[in-house]
Protein backbone atom coordinates (compact mmCIF):
# COMPACT_ATOMS: atom_id res chain seq x y z
CA MET A 1 22.42 236.07 197.63
CA ALA A 2 25.69 234.52 198.78
CA GLU A 3 25.60 230.84 199.69
CA GLN A 4 25.76 230.26 203.43
CA LEU A 5 28.51 227.90 204.42
CA PRO A 6 27.53 224.99 206.69
CA THR A 7 28.53 225.19 210.33
CA THR A 8 29.76 222.38 212.52
CA GLU A 9 27.57 221.57 215.50
CA PHE A 10 28.72 219.62 218.54
CA ASP A 11 25.46 218.81 220.28
CA ASP A 12 27.22 216.59 222.79
CA ILE A 13 29.42 219.39 224.14
CA PRO A 14 28.00 221.63 226.92
CA ASP A 15 27.72 225.31 226.09
CA GLU A 16 30.25 226.34 228.74
CA LEU A 17 32.84 223.97 227.27
CA LEU A 18 32.13 225.23 223.75
CA GLU A 19 32.81 228.74 225.01
CA GLU A 20 36.06 227.57 226.57
CA LEU A 21 37.13 225.86 223.34
CA GLU A 22 36.37 229.00 221.36
CA ALA A 23 38.44 231.10 223.74
CA LEU A 24 41.33 228.66 223.34
CA SER A 25 41.28 229.07 219.57
CA HIS A 26 43.03 232.44 219.85
CA ASP A 27 46.76 231.97 219.99
CA ARG A 28 47.95 234.71 222.31
CA THR A 29 46.46 237.34 224.53
CA GLU A 30 49.00 239.87 225.79
CA GLY A 31 51.79 237.34 225.30
CA HIS A 32 49.95 234.54 227.10
CA VAL A 33 49.33 231.26 225.31
CA ASN A 34 45.67 230.31 225.67
CA MET A 35 45.29 226.71 226.81
CA VAL A 36 43.64 224.50 229.40
CA GLN A 37 45.74 224.84 232.53
CA LEU A 38 44.87 223.69 236.04
CA LEU A 39 48.28 224.04 237.69
CA ASP A 40 50.31 227.20 237.22
CA GLU A 41 54.10 227.21 237.19
CA GLU A 42 54.20 227.41 241.00
CA GLY A 43 52.00 224.35 241.37
CA GLN A 44 48.91 226.30 242.44
CA PHE A 45 45.59 224.72 241.41
CA HIS A 46 43.10 226.99 239.64
CA ASN A 47 39.40 226.27 239.24
CA GLY A 48 37.29 227.76 236.49
CA SER A 49 37.93 225.33 233.65
CA HIS A 50 35.34 222.77 232.58
CA PHE A 51 38.02 220.17 233.38
CA SER A 52 38.74 221.25 236.97
CA GLU A 53 36.27 218.82 238.55
CA ARG A 54 37.81 215.86 236.75
CA ALA A 55 41.17 216.60 238.33
CA ARG A 56 39.65 217.12 241.77
CA ARG A 57 38.18 213.61 241.67
CA LEU A 58 41.63 212.02 241.85
CA THR A 59 42.61 210.46 245.17
CA SER A 60 45.88 211.16 246.98
CA GLU A 61 47.11 207.74 245.90
CA GLU A 62 46.32 208.46 242.25
CA LEU A 63 48.05 211.85 242.48
CA ARG A 64 51.16 210.31 244.00
CA GLY A 65 51.07 207.70 241.24
CA LEU A 66 51.22 210.41 238.57
CA TYR A 67 54.29 211.90 240.22
CA ARG A 68 55.94 208.49 240.61
CA ASP A 69 55.41 207.75 236.92
CA MET A 70 56.94 211.06 235.85
CA ALA A 71 59.92 210.70 238.18
CA LEU A 72 60.59 207.10 237.12
CA ILE A 73 60.49 207.88 233.41
CA ARG A 74 62.80 210.87 233.89
CA ARG A 75 65.32 208.69 235.72
CA PHE A 76 64.99 205.97 233.08
CA ASP A 77 65.49 208.56 230.34
CA ALA A 78 68.69 209.82 231.97
CA GLU A 79 70.03 206.27 232.23
CA ALA A 80 69.20 205.48 228.61
CA THR A 81 70.97 208.67 227.50
CA ALA A 82 74.05 207.63 229.50
CA LEU A 83 73.93 204.16 227.96
CA GLN A 84 73.94 205.65 224.48
CA ARG A 85 76.84 207.94 225.32
CA GLN A 86 78.75 204.90 226.56
CA GLY A 87 78.17 203.06 223.28
CA GLN A 88 75.62 200.60 224.64
CA LEU A 89 72.72 201.96 222.55
CA ALA A 90 72.91 202.93 218.89
CA LEU A 91 70.59 205.90 219.44
CA TRP A 92 68.29 207.33 222.06
CA VAL A 93 65.32 209.70 221.85
CA PRO A 94 65.15 211.76 225.07
CA VAL A 95 61.80 212.63 226.63
CA ARG A 96 62.88 215.08 229.34
CA GLY A 97 60.37 217.91 229.62
CA GLN A 98 57.45 215.98 228.12
CA GLU A 99 56.72 213.70 231.09
CA ALA A 100 53.39 215.34 232.01
CA ALA A 101 52.03 215.13 228.46
CA GLN A 102 52.83 211.43 228.29
CA ILE A 103 51.93 210.27 231.78
CA GLY A 104 48.75 212.36 231.87
CA SER A 105 47.48 211.04 228.56
CA GLY A 106 48.57 207.47 229.19
CA ARG A 107 46.88 207.30 232.58
CA ALA A 108 43.68 208.72 231.07
CA SER A 109 43.37 205.70 228.80
CA GLN A 110 41.68 202.43 229.71
CA PRO A 111 43.01 198.89 229.14
CA GLN A 112 40.78 198.25 226.11
CA ASP A 113 42.02 201.40 224.33
CA TYR A 114 44.75 200.93 221.73
CA LEU A 115 47.61 203.45 221.57
CA PHE A 116 49.87 204.18 218.60
CA PRO A 117 53.16 205.87 219.61
CA THR A 118 55.92 207.51 217.61
CA TYR A 119 59.44 206.80 218.89
CA ARG A 120 59.49 209.03 221.99
CA GLU A 121 56.50 207.81 224.04
CA HIS A 122 58.53 206.14 226.78
CA GLY A 123 56.27 207.59 229.47
CA VAL A 124 53.14 206.31 227.74
CA ALA A 125 54.78 202.89 227.48
CA LEU A 126 55.29 202.89 231.24
CA THR A 127 51.59 203.59 231.86
CA ARG A 128 50.63 200.71 229.56
CA GLY A 129 52.70 198.14 231.42
CA VAL A 130 55.46 197.75 228.83
CA GLU A 131 58.68 196.42 230.36
CA LEU A 132 60.98 199.34 229.64
CA GLY A 133 64.04 197.16 229.45
CA GLU A 134 62.37 195.49 226.47
CA LEU A 135 61.74 198.91 224.95
CA LEU A 136 65.52 199.38 224.76
CA ARG A 137 65.99 196.35 222.50
CA GLN A 138 65.21 198.40 219.41
CA PHE A 139 67.68 201.13 220.39
CA ARG A 140 70.29 198.47 221.12
CA GLY A 141 69.76 197.15 217.60
CA VAL A 142 68.85 193.60 218.61
CA SER A 143 65.13 193.72 217.77
CA ASN A 144 62.69 195.41 215.41
CA GLY A 145 60.32 196.01 218.31
CA GLY A 146 60.90 194.53 221.73
CA TRP A 147 57.43 193.83 223.10
CA ASP A 148 54.18 192.19 222.04
CA PRO A 149 51.63 194.98 221.43
CA ARG A 150 48.75 192.53 221.88
CA GLU A 151 49.62 192.17 225.56
CA THR A 152 49.42 195.89 226.38
CA ASN A 153 47.42 197.48 223.52
CA PHE A 154 50.48 199.68 222.98
CA HIS A 155 51.75 199.49 219.43
CA LEU A 156 55.40 199.11 218.44
CA TYR A 157 57.37 202.31 217.93
CA THR A 158 57.13 203.88 214.47
CA LEU A 159 60.29 205.56 213.23
CA VAL A 160 58.82 206.78 209.93
CA LEU A 161 57.39 210.23 210.61
CA ALA A 162 53.56 210.21 210.97
CA ALA A 163 53.20 206.71 209.47
CA GLN A 164 51.45 205.42 212.60
CA VAL A 165 48.56 207.91 212.34
CA PRO A 166 46.80 206.37 209.30
CA HIS A 167 47.25 202.99 211.03
CA ALA A 168 45.58 204.39 214.14
CA VAL A 169 42.58 205.70 212.21
CA GLY A 170 42.26 202.41 210.34
CA TYR A 171 42.28 200.54 213.65
CA ALA A 172 39.61 202.89 215.02
CA MET A 173 37.45 202.31 211.95
CA GLY A 174 37.91 198.58 212.53
CA ILE A 175 36.53 199.00 216.04
CA GLN A 176 33.44 200.60 214.51
CA ARG A 177 32.96 197.73 212.12
CA ASP A 178 33.34 195.17 214.86
CA ALA A 179 30.48 196.89 216.67
CA VAL A 180 28.33 196.81 213.52
CA ARG A 181 28.96 193.09 213.10
CA ALA A 182 28.11 192.49 216.75
CA ALA A 183 24.81 194.31 216.28
CA ALA A 184 24.07 192.36 213.10
CA ALA A 185 24.59 189.16 215.04
CA GLY A 186 21.79 190.16 217.38
CA ARG A 187 23.89 191.69 220.14
CA ASP A 188 23.48 195.32 221.14
CA PRO A 189 26.98 196.88 221.33
CA GLY A 190 25.73 199.19 224.08
CA GLU A 191 24.97 196.18 226.25
CA GLN A 192 28.31 194.46 225.90
CA THR A 193 30.11 193.68 229.15
CA ALA A 194 33.36 195.16 227.82
CA PRO A 195 33.29 198.96 227.35
CA GLN A 196 33.73 200.38 223.86
CA ALA A 197 37.37 201.02 223.00
CA ALA A 198 39.02 204.10 221.53
CA VAL A 199 42.37 204.79 219.89
CA VAL A 200 45.05 207.40 220.61
CA ALA A 201 47.36 208.50 217.79
CA TYR A 202 50.50 210.23 219.09
CA PHE A 203 52.57 212.53 216.88
CA GLY A 204 54.69 215.65 217.15
CA ASP A 205 54.42 219.17 215.81
CA GLY A 206 56.85 218.29 213.03
CA ALA A 207 54.80 215.30 211.94
CA SER A 208 51.72 217.53 211.77
CA SER A 209 53.14 218.90 208.51
CA GLU A 210 53.05 215.46 206.89
CA GLY A 211 50.31 214.50 204.45
CA ASP A 212 49.61 211.37 206.50
CA ILE A 213 48.09 213.56 209.22
CA HIS A 214 45.79 215.37 206.79
CA GLU A 215 44.60 212.14 205.20
CA SER A 216 44.04 210.54 208.60
CA MET A 217 41.95 213.44 209.85
CA VAL A 218 39.83 213.43 206.69
CA PHE A 219 38.97 209.76 207.18
CA ALA A 220 38.46 210.11 210.93
CA ALA A 221 36.06 213.01 210.46
CA SER A 222 34.17 211.39 207.59
CA PHE A 223 33.52 208.18 209.53
CA LYS A 224 33.43 209.68 213.06
CA ALA A 225 36.15 207.22 214.00
CA PRO A 226 36.78 206.73 217.75
CA VAL A 227 40.26 208.23 217.71
CA VAL A 228 42.01 210.96 219.70
CA PHE A 229 44.80 212.75 217.83
CA PHE A 230 47.38 213.66 220.47
CA CYS A 231 49.98 216.13 219.22
CA GLN A 232 52.92 216.82 221.53
CA ASN A 233 53.99 220.26 220.41
CA ASN A 234 57.48 220.43 221.90
CA GLN A 235 58.20 223.60 219.87
CA TRP A 236 60.87 222.12 217.60
CA ALA A 237 60.71 219.68 214.66
CA ILE A 238 64.40 218.94 215.11
CA SER A 239 65.68 222.41 214.12
CA VAL A 240 62.49 223.97 212.70
CA PRO A 241 60.36 225.97 215.18
CA THR A 242 56.60 225.50 215.34
CA GLN A 243 55.83 229.03 214.12
CA VAL A 244 57.51 228.18 210.81
CA GLN A 245 55.48 224.99 210.43
CA SER A 246 52.06 226.55 211.14
CA ARG A 247 50.72 230.10 211.02
CA ILE A 248 47.85 229.18 213.35
CA PRO A 249 47.75 227.19 216.60
CA LEU A 250 47.99 223.53 215.65
CA HIS A 251 44.79 222.56 217.46
CA ASN A 252 42.82 225.02 215.29
CA ARG A 253 43.36 222.73 212.31
CA ALA A 254 40.63 220.46 213.69
CA LYS A 255 38.04 223.06 212.66
CA GLY A 256 38.85 222.44 209.02
CA TYR A 257 37.96 218.79 209.40
CA GLY A 258 34.84 219.36 211.48
CA PHE A 259 35.75 218.03 214.90
CA PRO A 260 36.83 219.66 218.19
CA GLY A 261 40.41 220.69 218.86
CA LEU A 262 41.91 222.18 222.00
CA ARG A 263 45.26 223.12 223.43
CA VAL A 264 46.32 221.95 226.88
CA ASP A 265 49.32 222.88 228.99
CA GLY A 266 51.49 219.86 228.26
CA ASN A 267 53.55 220.51 231.40
CA ASP A 268 50.46 220.23 233.62
CA VAL A 269 49.83 216.54 234.24
CA LEU A 270 46.40 217.16 235.81
CA ALA A 271 45.15 219.18 232.85
CA VAL A 272 46.48 216.67 230.32
CA ARG A 273 44.87 213.77 232.14
CA ALA A 274 41.50 215.53 232.42
CA VAL A 275 41.41 216.68 228.79
CA THR A 276 42.46 213.29 227.42
CA GLU A 277 39.95 211.49 229.62
CA TRP A 278 37.16 213.69 228.24
CA ALA A 279 38.29 213.18 224.63
CA LEU A 280 38.49 209.41 225.01
CA GLU A 281 35.04 209.22 226.59
CA ARG A 282 33.66 211.22 223.67
CA ALA A 283 35.35 208.92 221.16
CA ARG A 284 34.18 205.73 222.86
CA THR A 285 30.54 206.83 222.78
CA GLY A 286 30.50 207.34 219.02
CA LYS A 287 30.80 211.14 218.87
CA GLY A 288 33.94 211.15 216.76
CA PRO A 289 37.53 212.34 216.94
CA VAL A 290 39.22 215.10 218.94
CA LEU A 291 42.56 216.82 218.36
CA ILE A 292 44.58 217.62 221.49
CA GLU A 293 47.63 219.84 221.21
CA ALA A 294 49.81 219.37 224.31
CA TYR A 295 51.86 222.55 224.49
CA THR A 296 55.18 221.43 225.94
CA TYR A 297 58.95 221.53 225.34
CA ARG A 298 61.75 219.04 224.94
CA LEU A 299 64.46 220.18 227.31
CA GLY A 300 67.07 217.99 225.66
CA ALA A 301 68.10 217.10 222.14
CA HIS A 302 65.79 215.70 219.48
CA THR A 303 67.89 212.54 219.61
CA THR A 304 71.37 211.80 220.90
CA ALA A 305 72.58 212.48 217.34
CA ASP A 306 71.34 216.09 217.59
CA ASP A 307 72.96 219.23 218.99
CA PRO A 308 70.23 221.75 219.92
CA THR A 309 72.79 224.48 220.66
CA LYS A 310 73.13 224.87 216.89
CA TYR A 311 69.59 226.17 216.44
CA ARG A 312 68.12 227.43 219.72
CA LEU A 313 69.20 229.80 222.47
CA SER A 314 70.06 228.74 226.01
CA GLU A 315 67.77 231.54 227.28
CA GLU A 316 64.81 229.78 225.68
CA GLU A 317 65.71 226.52 227.38
CA GLN A 318 66.02 228.23 230.75
CA ASP A 319 62.59 229.82 230.35
CA TRP A 320 61.11 226.36 229.95
CA VAL A 321 63.12 224.89 232.84
CA ALA A 322 61.03 227.17 235.06
CA LYS A 323 57.93 225.37 233.74
CA ASP A 324 59.33 221.91 234.49
CA PRO A 325 56.39 219.46 234.82
CA VAL A 326 57.96 217.28 237.53
CA THR A 327 58.99 220.17 239.76
CA ARG A 328 55.62 221.85 239.29
CA PHE A 329 53.71 218.76 240.37
CA GLU A 330 55.96 218.21 243.37
CA LYS A 331 55.11 221.73 244.55
CA PHE A 332 51.41 220.94 244.19
CA LEU A 333 51.63 217.67 246.13
CA ARG A 334 53.53 219.32 248.98
CA ALA A 335 51.26 222.37 249.16
CA GLU A 336 48.09 220.26 249.26
CA GLY A 337 49.46 217.75 251.75
CA HIS A 338 49.42 214.73 249.42
CA ALA A 339 53.11 213.85 249.86
CA ASP A 340 56.06 214.51 252.17
CA ASP A 341 59.85 214.19 252.18
CA ALA A 342 59.68 210.46 252.86
CA PHE A 343 57.58 209.88 249.76
CA PHE A 344 59.91 211.80 247.46
CA ALA A 345 62.96 210.01 248.90
CA GLU A 346 61.25 206.69 248.31
CA VAL A 347 60.48 207.58 244.70
CA ALA A 348 64.08 208.68 244.12
CA ALA A 349 65.31 205.32 245.42
CA GLN A 350 62.81 203.49 243.22
CA GLY A 351 64.06 205.47 240.24
CA ASP A 352 67.67 204.49 240.89
CA ALA A 353 66.71 200.82 241.21
CA PHE A 354 64.60 201.08 238.06
CA ALA A 355 67.50 202.58 236.13
CA ALA A 356 69.95 199.98 237.42
CA LYS A 357 67.69 197.16 236.27
CA SER A 358 67.33 198.74 232.85
CA ARG A 359 71.12 198.90 232.54
CA ARG A 360 71.46 195.24 233.51
CA ASP A 361 68.82 194.31 230.96
CA VAL A 362 70.60 196.14 228.16
CA LEU A 363 73.98 194.63 228.91
CA ALA A 364 72.46 191.13 228.99
CA PHE A 365 70.79 191.38 225.58
CA GLU A 366 72.07 188.78 223.12
CA PRO A 367 72.34 189.88 219.49
CA PRO A 368 70.31 187.81 217.03
CA SER A 369 72.08 185.46 214.67
CA LEU A 370 72.33 186.48 211.04
CA ALA A 371 69.61 183.97 210.14
CA GLU A 372 67.26 185.41 212.79
CA ALA A 373 67.88 188.99 211.68
CA MET A 374 67.43 188.21 208.00
CA GLY A 375 64.43 186.05 208.72
CA HIS A 376 62.19 189.12 209.06
CA VAL A 377 62.97 190.65 205.66
CA TYR A 378 60.06 188.78 204.03
CA ALA A 379 56.91 187.31 205.54
CA GLU A 380 57.88 183.88 204.19
CA ARG A 381 61.22 182.21 203.58
CA HIS A 382 62.91 183.57 200.44
CA PRO A 383 65.53 181.74 198.34
CA LEU A 384 67.62 184.86 197.70
CA VAL A 385 67.84 185.53 201.44
CA ASP A 386 68.85 181.91 202.02
CA GLU A 387 71.56 182.33 199.39
CA GLU A 388 72.91 185.50 201.02
CA ILE A 389 72.97 183.90 204.47
CA ALA A 390 74.83 180.85 203.10
CA TRP A 391 77.38 183.11 201.41
CA HIS A 392 77.99 185.10 204.56
CA LEU A 393 78.36 182.00 206.75
CA LYS A 394 80.88 180.60 204.27
CA TYR A 395 82.74 183.90 204.34
CA GLU A 396 82.82 183.90 208.14
CA SER A 397 84.10 180.37 208.25
CA GLY A 398 87.30 181.64 206.66
CA PHE A 399 88.06 183.41 209.93
CA ALA A 400 87.81 180.26 212.06
CA ASP A 401 90.53 179.92 214.68
CA ALA A 402 92.61 176.86 215.22
CA GLU A 403 89.84 175.18 217.22
CA GLY A 404 87.31 175.66 214.44
CA SER A 405 85.11 178.37 216.01
CA THR A 406 84.12 181.47 214.10
CA THR A 407 84.32 185.05 215.22
CA SER A 408 80.61 185.83 215.41
CA GLU A 409 78.43 182.73 214.93
CA GLY A 410 76.41 184.19 212.12
CA GLY A 411 76.89 187.52 213.20
CA HIS A 412 76.21 190.83 214.63
C-alpha cells in the first residue's frame, strides 16, 4: 500500500476562505488571472470575497488618506526621477504603477511591526513616517542609509537582491524568543499591554528566484515565525518576464513550505490593505507565516539606468496603464461620494509642495568628508584605513591654492 503523504491543515482559517485560497491557486481561467480583487479597473467595488468586509470598515477619511498617500508618492517619484536625470542623484528606482501594493500593505501594518524593504519601497516608507528627503541621501551618494530604522521600525534599504529576507525571518524568530523569555519571567505574553508584533519581508518576483527566499521560507515554516512574505510581482525582473522565472503562480510556492499563499490585485489598494491586514493578524497571533503575491506592474524602468523599450512592447505597457491604481481609486472615491474636485485639487497642490521640499533637501545635502565616509568600512578604527586617509589628504594638499585651501576638504 502506497504511503499517504501528510496534508497541511490550517485550523485557524475559515472554510469559506480556504475555498477562496484554493480557487486562487489556479493561474488563469479563460485568460483571467485569479486573485483577490475588490475594485475592478473602473473603480467599481465588488462584494463576495472573504476580504470585502474589511475594506468596507474603512471610513471616508481613511479612504481619502489612501489616495493621498498614493498621489504623494507618485509625485515624489516623478521629482526624484527628474533629479536623477539632472545629475542630482546617482541613481533612482522608480515606483510608478506599484503605489497600491505599497500603500495598501504599509497602511495595514501597525507601529510595533517591523518592515524590511528592498530598494523600491518608497510608498511603504511614507506610511511608516520616514522623511522622504532623508531617503534620497543614499541615492545622492552621501549616506549608506539616511534614516534611523529604530524610530520607524522600517529597515534601511537593501540593495543586494533578497538579502533582507533572511534578516526579516531572523528578526521574526527573535520576536518569538522575546515572548518566551517574557513568559519564563512570569509574565504572560498574551496579557502584555503592547500587542504582539509581526514582520513584513518585501521582495520582487526576480528575487523570488534567489536561494535566500527558499531558505527563509524553510525557517519561517519550521518555527512558525510571525512574518509575512510580501512579493511585488511587477512582471519583470529587469528584462526577464515572470513566466520565465516560475512555471506556476508565485504564491503557490507557499504550499511547498506548508503555509498559506494568495495572490492579490496589486493595483487595488483596498484588496491589498485587507489581505495584508489579515496576514499580519494571523502572524501576530502565533499561526505562522503567509506569502502574499501582489500582482502589479512597474510602468517605468527598473532603474534610471534601464531602458525597458529594449525588452518589452509598448502595447503591454498601455494595457497596464488602463489598470492604473491611482486612477482606479479616484474613480471609486468619486462614485461613492468620498471625495470631490476640491479634494483632488488639494492633494495635487500638496504633492507639488512635497516634491519641491524634497528637491530643496537634496540640493542642501552636504557630502561627507573622506574620514567620515571611510569611517564606516570597519566597525572599529583600522590602521590601514587611517594610513589611506592620511595619504589621500597629503595628496590633496598638493592642489592647495595660493591661500592654502584645498579643492575638496577631504573629499567627495
